[in-house]
Amino acid sequence: MQEVVVTLVFMMALLMFAAFPAYKAAHFLQEKYALSHKMENLLTLVLTILLALTAAVFLKIG
């Protein structure tokens, strides 16, 4: 349980750094597939969380 909490704390710190790459990726996908503005916002949010969680897991492992 403590490992999960530490990973989530790492993730909170990384959310700020994951937001810009997620925005750029969502904007690229929006241009390529003509997504709606609402879908682009949702995709940005999901990608931000996934990028931060992935980086936090790698920090925890390493």
PDB file of N, CA and C in Angstrom:
ATOM      1  N   MET A   1       0.822  -1.196   0.000  1.00  0.00           N
ATOM      2  CA  MET A   1       0.000   0.000   0.000  1.00  0.00           C
ATOM      3  C   MET A   1       0.861   1.253   0.000  1.00  0.00           C
ATOM      4  N   GLN A   2       1.956   1.225   0.720  1.00  0.00           N
ATOM      5  CA  GLN A   2       2.827   2.389   0.793  1.00  0.00           C
ATOM      6  C   GLN A   2       3.460   2.685  -0.570  1.00  0.00           C
ATOM      7  N   GLU A   3       3.759   1.643  -1.345  1.00  0.00           N
ATOM      8  CA  GLU A   3       4.340   1.832  -2.668  1.00  0.00           C
ATOM      9  C   GLU A   3       3.371   2.545  -3.597  1.00  0.00           C
ATOM     10  N   VAL A   4       2.089   2.230  -3.478  1.00  0.00           N
ATOM     11  CA  VAL A   4       1.077   2.887  -4.302  1.00  0.00           C
ATOM     12  C   VAL A   4       0.989   4.363  -3.943  1.00  0.00           C
ATOM     13  N   VAL A   5       1.021   4.676  -2.685  1.00  0.00           N
ATOM     14  CA  VAL A   5       0.945   6.068  -2.236  1.00  0.00           C
ATOM     15  C   VAL A   5       2.166   6.852  -2.712  1.00  0.00           C
ATOM     16  N   VAL A   6       3.345   6.258  -2.618  1.00  0.00           N
ATOM     17  CA  VAL A   6       4.560   6.935  -3.075  1.00  0.00           C
ATOM     18  C   VAL A   6       4.498   7.172  -4.576  1.00  0.00           C
ATOM     19  N   THR A   7       4.006   6.203  -5.333  1.00  0.00           N
ATOM     20  CA  THR A   7       3.863   6.366  -6.778  1.00  0.00           C
ATOM     21  C   THR A   7       2.887   7.489  -7.104  1.00  0.00           C
ATOM     22  N   LEU A   8       1.780   7.575  -6.374  1.00  0.00           N
ATOM     23  CA  LEU A   8       0.810   8.644  -6.610  1.00  0.00           C
ATOM     24  C   LEU A   8       1.366  10.016  -6.241  1.00  0.00           C
ATOM     25  N   VAL A   9       2.203  10.072  -5.223  1.00  0.00           N
ATOM     26  CA  VAL A   9       2.845  11.342  -4.867  1.00  0.00           C
ATOM     27  C   VAL A   9       3.804  11.774  -5.972  1.00  0.00           C
ATOM     28  N   PHE A  10       4.573  10.836  -6.511  1.00  0.00           N
ATOM     29  CA  PHE A  10       5.428  11.143  -7.655  1.00  0.00           C
ATOM     30  C   PHE A  10       4.592  11.636  -8.829  1.00  0.00           C
ATOM     31  N   MET A  11       3.452  10.988  -9.045  1.00  0.00           N
ATOM     32  CA  MET A  11       2.576  11.364 -10.152  1.00  0.00           C
ATOM     33  C   MET A  11       2.068  12.792  -9.999  1.00  0.00           C
ATOM     34  N   MET A  12       1.711  13.190  -8.801  1.00  0.00           N
ATOM     35  CA  MET A  12       1.222  14.553  -8.580  1.00  0.00           C
ATOM     36  C   MET A  12       2.276  15.587  -8.957  1.00  0.00           C
ATOM     37  N   ALA A  13       3.513  15.295  -8.644  1.00  0.00           N
ATOM     38  CA  ALA A  13       4.585  16.225  -8.991  1.00  0.00           C
ATOM     39  C   ALA A  13       4.814  16.262 -10.498  1.00  0.00           C
ATOM     40  N   LEU A  14       4.566  15.172 -11.178  1.00  0.00           N
ATOM     41  CA  LEU A  14       4.829  15.096 -12.616  1.00  0.00           C
ATOM     42  C   LEU A  14       3.671  15.574 -13.486  1.00  0.00           C
ATOM     43  N   LEU A  15       2.516  15.799 -12.901  1.00  0.00           N
ATOM     44  CA  LEU A  15       1.371  16.267 -13.689  1.00  0.00           C
ATOM     45  C   LEU A  15       1.674  17.571 -14.412  1.00  0.00           C
ATOM     46  N   MET A  16       2.375  18.445 -13.753  1.00  0.00           N
ATOM     47  CA  MET A  16       2.702  19.742 -14.337  1.00  0.00           C
ATOM     48  C   MET A  16       3.587  19.566 -15.574  1.00  0.00           C
ATOM     49  N   PHE A  17       4.529  18.631 -15.516  1.00  0.00           N
ATOM     50  CA  PHE A  17       5.452  18.435 -16.628  1.00  0.00           C
ATOM     51  C   PHE A  17       4.845  17.604 -17.758  1.00  0.00           C
ATOM     52  N   ALA A  18       3.804  16.861 -17.473  1.00  0.00           N
ATOM     53  CA  ALA A  18       3.169  16.026 -18.484  1.00  0.00           C
ATOM     54  C   ALA A  18       2.087  16.774 -19.256  1.00  0.00           C
ATOM     55  N   ALA A  19       1.670  17.924 -18.781  1.00  0.00           N
ATOM     56  CA  ALA A  19       0.557  18.638 -19.400  1.00  0.00           C
ATOM     57  C   ALA A  19       0.907  19.140 -20.802  1.00  0.00           C
ATOM     58  N   PHE A  20       2.084  19.706 -20.993  1.00  0.00           N
ATOM     59  CA  PHE A  20       2.434  20.261 -22.300  1.00  0.00           C
ATOM     60  C   PHE A  20       2.571  19.184 -23.374  1.00  0.00           C
ATOM     61  N   PRO A  21       3.308  18.084 -23.126  1.00  0.00           N
ATOM     62  CA  PRO A  21       3.362  17.040 -24.161  1.00  0.00           C
ATOM     63  C   PRO A  21       1.990  16.435 -24.464  1.00  0.00           C
ATOM     64  N   ALA A  22       1.154  16.318 -23.456  1.00  0.00           N
ATOM     65  CA  ALA A  22      -0.192  15.778 -23.674  1.00  0.00           C
ATOM     66  C   ALA A  22      -1.016  16.737 -24.526  1.00  0.00           C
ATOM     67  N   TYR A  23      -0.886  18.031 -24.277  1.00  0.00           N
ATOM     68  CA  TYR A  23      -1.598  19.022 -25.083  1.00  0.00           C
ATOM     69  C   TYR A  23      -1.154  18.961 -26.539  1.00  0.00           C
ATOM     70  N   LYS A  24       0.165  18.875 -26.755  1.00  0.00           N
ATOM     71  CA  LYS A  24       0.683  18.829 -28.123  1.00  0.00           C
ATOM     72  C   LYS A  24       0.219  17.558 -28.834  1.00  0.00           C
ATOM     73  N   ALA A  25       0.217  16.423 -28.137  1.00  0.00           N
ATOM     74  CA  ALA A  25      -0.231  15.163 -28.745  1.00  0.00           C
ATOM     75  C   ALA A  25      -1.722  15.209 -29.068  1.00  0.00           C
ATOM     76  N   ALA A  26      -2.519  15.752 -28.160  1.00  0.00           N
ATOM     77  CA  ALA A  26      -3.963  15.850 -28.399  1.00  0.00           C
ATOM     78  C   ALA A  26      -4.255  16.807 -29.547  1.00  0.00           C
ATOM     79  N   HIS A  27      -3.507  17.888 -29.628  1.00  0.00           N
ATOM     80  CA  HIS A  27      -3.702  18.843 -30.720  1.00  0.00           C
ATOM     81  C   HIS A  27      -3.336  18.201 -32.061  1.00  0.00           C
ATOM     82  N   PHE A  28      -2.264  17.425 -32.086  1.00  0.00           N
ATOM     83  CA  PHE A  28      -1.871  16.713 -33.302  1.00  0.00           C
ATOM     84  C   PHE A  28      -2.958  15.730 -33.728  1.00  0.00           C
ATOM     85  N   LEU A  29      -3.492  14.959 -32.769  1.00  0.00           N
ATOM     86  CA  LEU A  29      -4.538  13.999 -33.091  1.00  0.00           C
ATOM     87  C   LEU A  29      -5.829  14.688 -33.522  1.00  0.00           C
ATOM     88  N   GLN A  30      -6.112  15.854 -32.945  1.00  0.00           N
ATOM     89  CA  GLN A  30      -7.300  16.607 -33.334  1.00  0.00           C
ATOM     90  C   GLN A  30      -7.189  17.077 -34.778  1.00  0.00           C
ATOM     91  N   GLU A  31      -6.018  17.518 -35.188  1.00  0.00           N
ATOM     92  CA  GLU A  31      -5.825  17.956 -36.570  1.00  0.00           C
ATOM     93  C   GLU A  31      -5.897  16.773 -37.539  1.00  0.00           C
ATOM     94  N   LYS A  32      -5.360  15.639 -37.127  1.00  0.00           N
ATOM     95  CA  LYS A  32      -5.305  14.474 -38.006  1.00  0.00           C
ATOM     96  C   LYS A  32      -6.670  13.813 -38.179  1.00  0.00           C
ATOM     97  N   TYR A  33      -7.443  13.709 -37.094  1.00  0.00           N
ATOM     98  CA  TYR A  33      -8.715  12.993 -37.129  1.00  0.00           C
ATOM     99  C   TYR A  33      -9.941  13.891 -36.982  1.00  0.00           C
ATOM    100  N   ALA A  34      -9.771  15.203 -36.972  1.00  0.00           N
ATOM    101  CA  ALA A  34     -10.878  16.171 -36.885  1.00  0.00           C
ATOM    102  C   ALA A  34     -11.794  15.883 -35.692  1.00  0.00           C
ATOM    103  N   LEU A  35     -11.215  15.819 -34.516  1.00  0.00           N
ATOM    104  CA  LEU A  35     -11.986  15.599 -33.292  1.00  0.00           C
ATOM    105  C   LEU A  35     -12.645  16.902 -32.849  1.00  0.00           C
ATOM    106  N   SER A  36     -13.694  16.780 -32.065  1.00  0.00           N
ATOM    107  CA  SER A  36     -14.353  17.969 -31.534  1.00  0.00           C
ATOM    108  C   SER A  36     -13.491  18.595 -30.440  1.00  0.00           C
ATOM    109  N   HIS A  37     -13.820  19.833 -30.105  1.00  0.00           N
ATOM    110  CA  HIS A  37     -13.058  20.534 -29.067  1.00  0.00           C
ATOM    111  C   HIS A  37     -13.204  19.833 -27.710  1.00  0.00           C
ATOM    112  N   LYS A  38     -14.401  19.338 -27.434  1.00  0.00           N
ATOM    113  CA  LYS A  38     -14.646  18.631 -26.176  1.00  0.00           C
ATOM    114  C   LYS A  38     -13.811  17.349 -26.111  1.00  0.00           C
ATOM    115  N   MET A  39     -13.725  16.636 -27.229  1.00  0.00           N
ATOM    116  CA  MET A  39     -12.940  15.401 -27.267  1.00  0.00           C
ATOM    117  C   MET A  39     -11.453  15.707 -27.128  1.00  0.00           C
ATOM    118  N   GLU A  40     -11.003  16.819 -27.707  1.00  0.00           N
ATOM    119  CA  GLU A  40      -9.598  17.206 -27.562  1.00  0.00           C
ATOM    120  C   GLU A  40      -9.263  17.514 -26.100  1.00  0.00           C
ATOM    121  N   ASN A  41     -10.160  18.198 -25.409  1.00  0.00           N
ATOM    122  CA  ASN A  41      -9.944  18.492 -23.987  1.00  0.00           C
ATOM    123  C   ASN A  41      -9.891  17.211 -23.154  1.00  0.00           C
ATOM    124  N   LEU A  42     -10.798  16.286 -23.431  1.00  0.00           N
ATOM    125  CA  LEU A  42     -10.817  15.018 -22.708  1.00  0.00           C
ATOM    126  C   LEU A  42      -9.553  14.211 -23.000  1.00  0.00           C
ATOM    127  N   LEU A  43      -9.131  14.203 -24.250  1.00  0.00           N
ATOM    128  CA  LEU A  43      -7.917  13.491 -24.625  1.00  0.00           C
ATOM    129  C   LEU A  43      -6.696  14.096 -23.955  1.00  0.00           C
ATOM    130  N   THR A  44      -6.655  15.418 -23.850  1.00  0.00           N
ATOM    131  CA  THR A  44      -5.551  16.082 -23.156  1.00  0.00           C
ATOM    132  C   THR A  44      -5.502  15.662 -21.690  1.00  0.00           C
ATOM    133  N   LEU A  45      -6.637  15.633 -21.047  1.00  0.00           N
ATOM    134  CA  LEU A  45      -6.696  15.231 -19.639  1.00  0.00           C
ATOM    135  C   LEU A  45      -6.238  13.790 -19.445  1.00  0.00           C
ATOM    136  N   VAL A  46      -6.741  12.898 -20.268  1.00  0.00           N
ATOM    137  CA  VAL A  46      -6.388  11.479 -20.144  1.00  0.00           C
ATOM    138  C   VAL A  46      -4.903  11.263 -20.432  1.00  0.00           C
ATOM    139  N   LEU A  47      -4.396  11.906 -21.479  1.00  0.00           N
ATOM    140  CA  LEU A  47      -2.981  11.758 -21.804  1.00  0.00           C
ATOM    141  C   LEU A  47      -2.082  12.342 -20.716  1.00  0.00           C
ATOM    142  N   THR A  48      -2.490  13.438 -20.112  1.00  0.00           N
ATOM    143  CA  THR A  48      -1.714  14.028 -19.025  1.00  0.00           C
ATOM    144  C   THR A  48      -1.596  13.057 -17.860  1.00  0.00           C
ATOM    145  N   ILE A  49      -2.708  12.458 -17.485  1.00  0.00           N
ATOM    146  CA  ILE A  49      -2.702  11.506 -16.372  1.00  0.00           C
ATOM    147  C   ILE A  49      -1.878  10.271 -16.717  1.00  0.00           C
ATOM    148  N   LEU A  50      -2.026   9.765 -17.935  1.00  0.00           N
ATOM    149  CA  LEU A  50      -1.271   8.570 -18.325  1.00  0.00           C
ATOM    150  C   LEU A  50       0.228   8.837 -18.394  1.00  0.00           C
ATOM    151  N   LEU A  51       0.616   9.978 -18.945  1.00  0.00           N
ATOM    152  CA  LEU A  51       2.041  10.305 -19.015  1.00  0.00           C
ATOM    153  C   LEU A  51       2.641  10.472 -17.623  1.00  0.00           C
ATOM    154  N   ALA A  52       1.922  11.153 -16.745  1.00  0.00           N
ATOM    155  CA  ALA A  52       2.424  11.357 -15.384  1.00  0.00           C
ATOM    156  C   ALA A  52       2.509  10.040 -14.625  1.00  0.00           C
ATOM    157  N   LEU A  53       1.505   9.185 -14.785  1.00  0.00           N
ATOM    158  CA  LEU A  53       1.520   7.891 -14.107  1.00  0.00           C
ATOM    159  C   LEU A  53       2.641   7.008 -14.639  1.00  0.00           C
ATOM    160  N   THR A  54       2.861   7.016 -15.943  1.00  0.00           N
ATOM    161  CA  THR A  54       3.933   6.224 -16.529  1.00  0.00           C
ATOM    162  C   THR A  54       5.291   6.688 -16.023  1.00  0.00           C
ATOM    163  N   ALA A  55       5.503   7.999 -16.005  1.00  0.00           N
ATOM    164  CA  ALA A  55       6.770   8.524 -15.513  1.00  0.00           C
ATOM    165  C   ALA A  55       6.958   8.214 -14.021  1.00  0.00           C
ATOM    166  N   ALA A  56       5.879   8.280 -13.243  1.00  0.00           N
ATOM    167  CA  ALA A  56       5.967   7.978 -11.811  1.00  0.00           C
ATOM    168  C   ALA A  56       6.317   6.512 -11.578  1.00  0.00           C
ATOM    169  N   VAL A  57       5.756   5.631 -12.387  1.00  0.00           N
ATOM    170  CA  VAL A  57       6.080   4.209 -12.244  1.00  0.00           C
ATOM    171  C   VAL A  57       7.553   3.970 -12.577  1.00  0.00           C
ATOM    172  N   PHE A  58       8.041   4.617 -13.642  1.00  0.00           N
ATOM    173  CA  PHE A  58       9.450   4.471 -13.992  1.00  0.00           C
ATOM    174  C   PHE A  58      10.358   5.054 -12.911  1.00  0.00           C
ATOM    175  N   LEU A  59       9.949   6.137 -12.288  1.00  0.00           N
ATOM    176  CA  LEU A  59      10.738   6.683 -11.182  1.00  0.00           C
ATOM    177  C   LEU A  59      10.757   5.731  -9.987  1.00  0.00           C
ATOM    178  N   LYS A  60       9.628   5.104  -9.729  1.00  0.00           N
ATOM    179  CA  LYS A  60       9.527   4.173  -8.613  1.00  0.00           C
ATOM    180  C   LYS A  60      10.376   2.926  -8.860  1.00  0.00           C
ATOM    181  N   ILE A  61      10.369   2.435 -10.103  1.00  0.00           N
ATOM    182  CA  ILE A  61      11.141   1.244 -10.432  1.00  0.00           C
ATOM    183  C   ILE A  61      12.632   1.535 -10.387  1.00  0.00           C
ATOM    184  N   GLY A  62      13.021   2.681 -10.938  1.00  0.00           N
ATOM    185  CA  GLY A  62      14.449   3.015 -11.052  1.00  0.00           C
ATOM    186  C   GLY A  62      15.016   3.558  -9.825  1.00  0.00           C
TER     187      GLY A  62
END
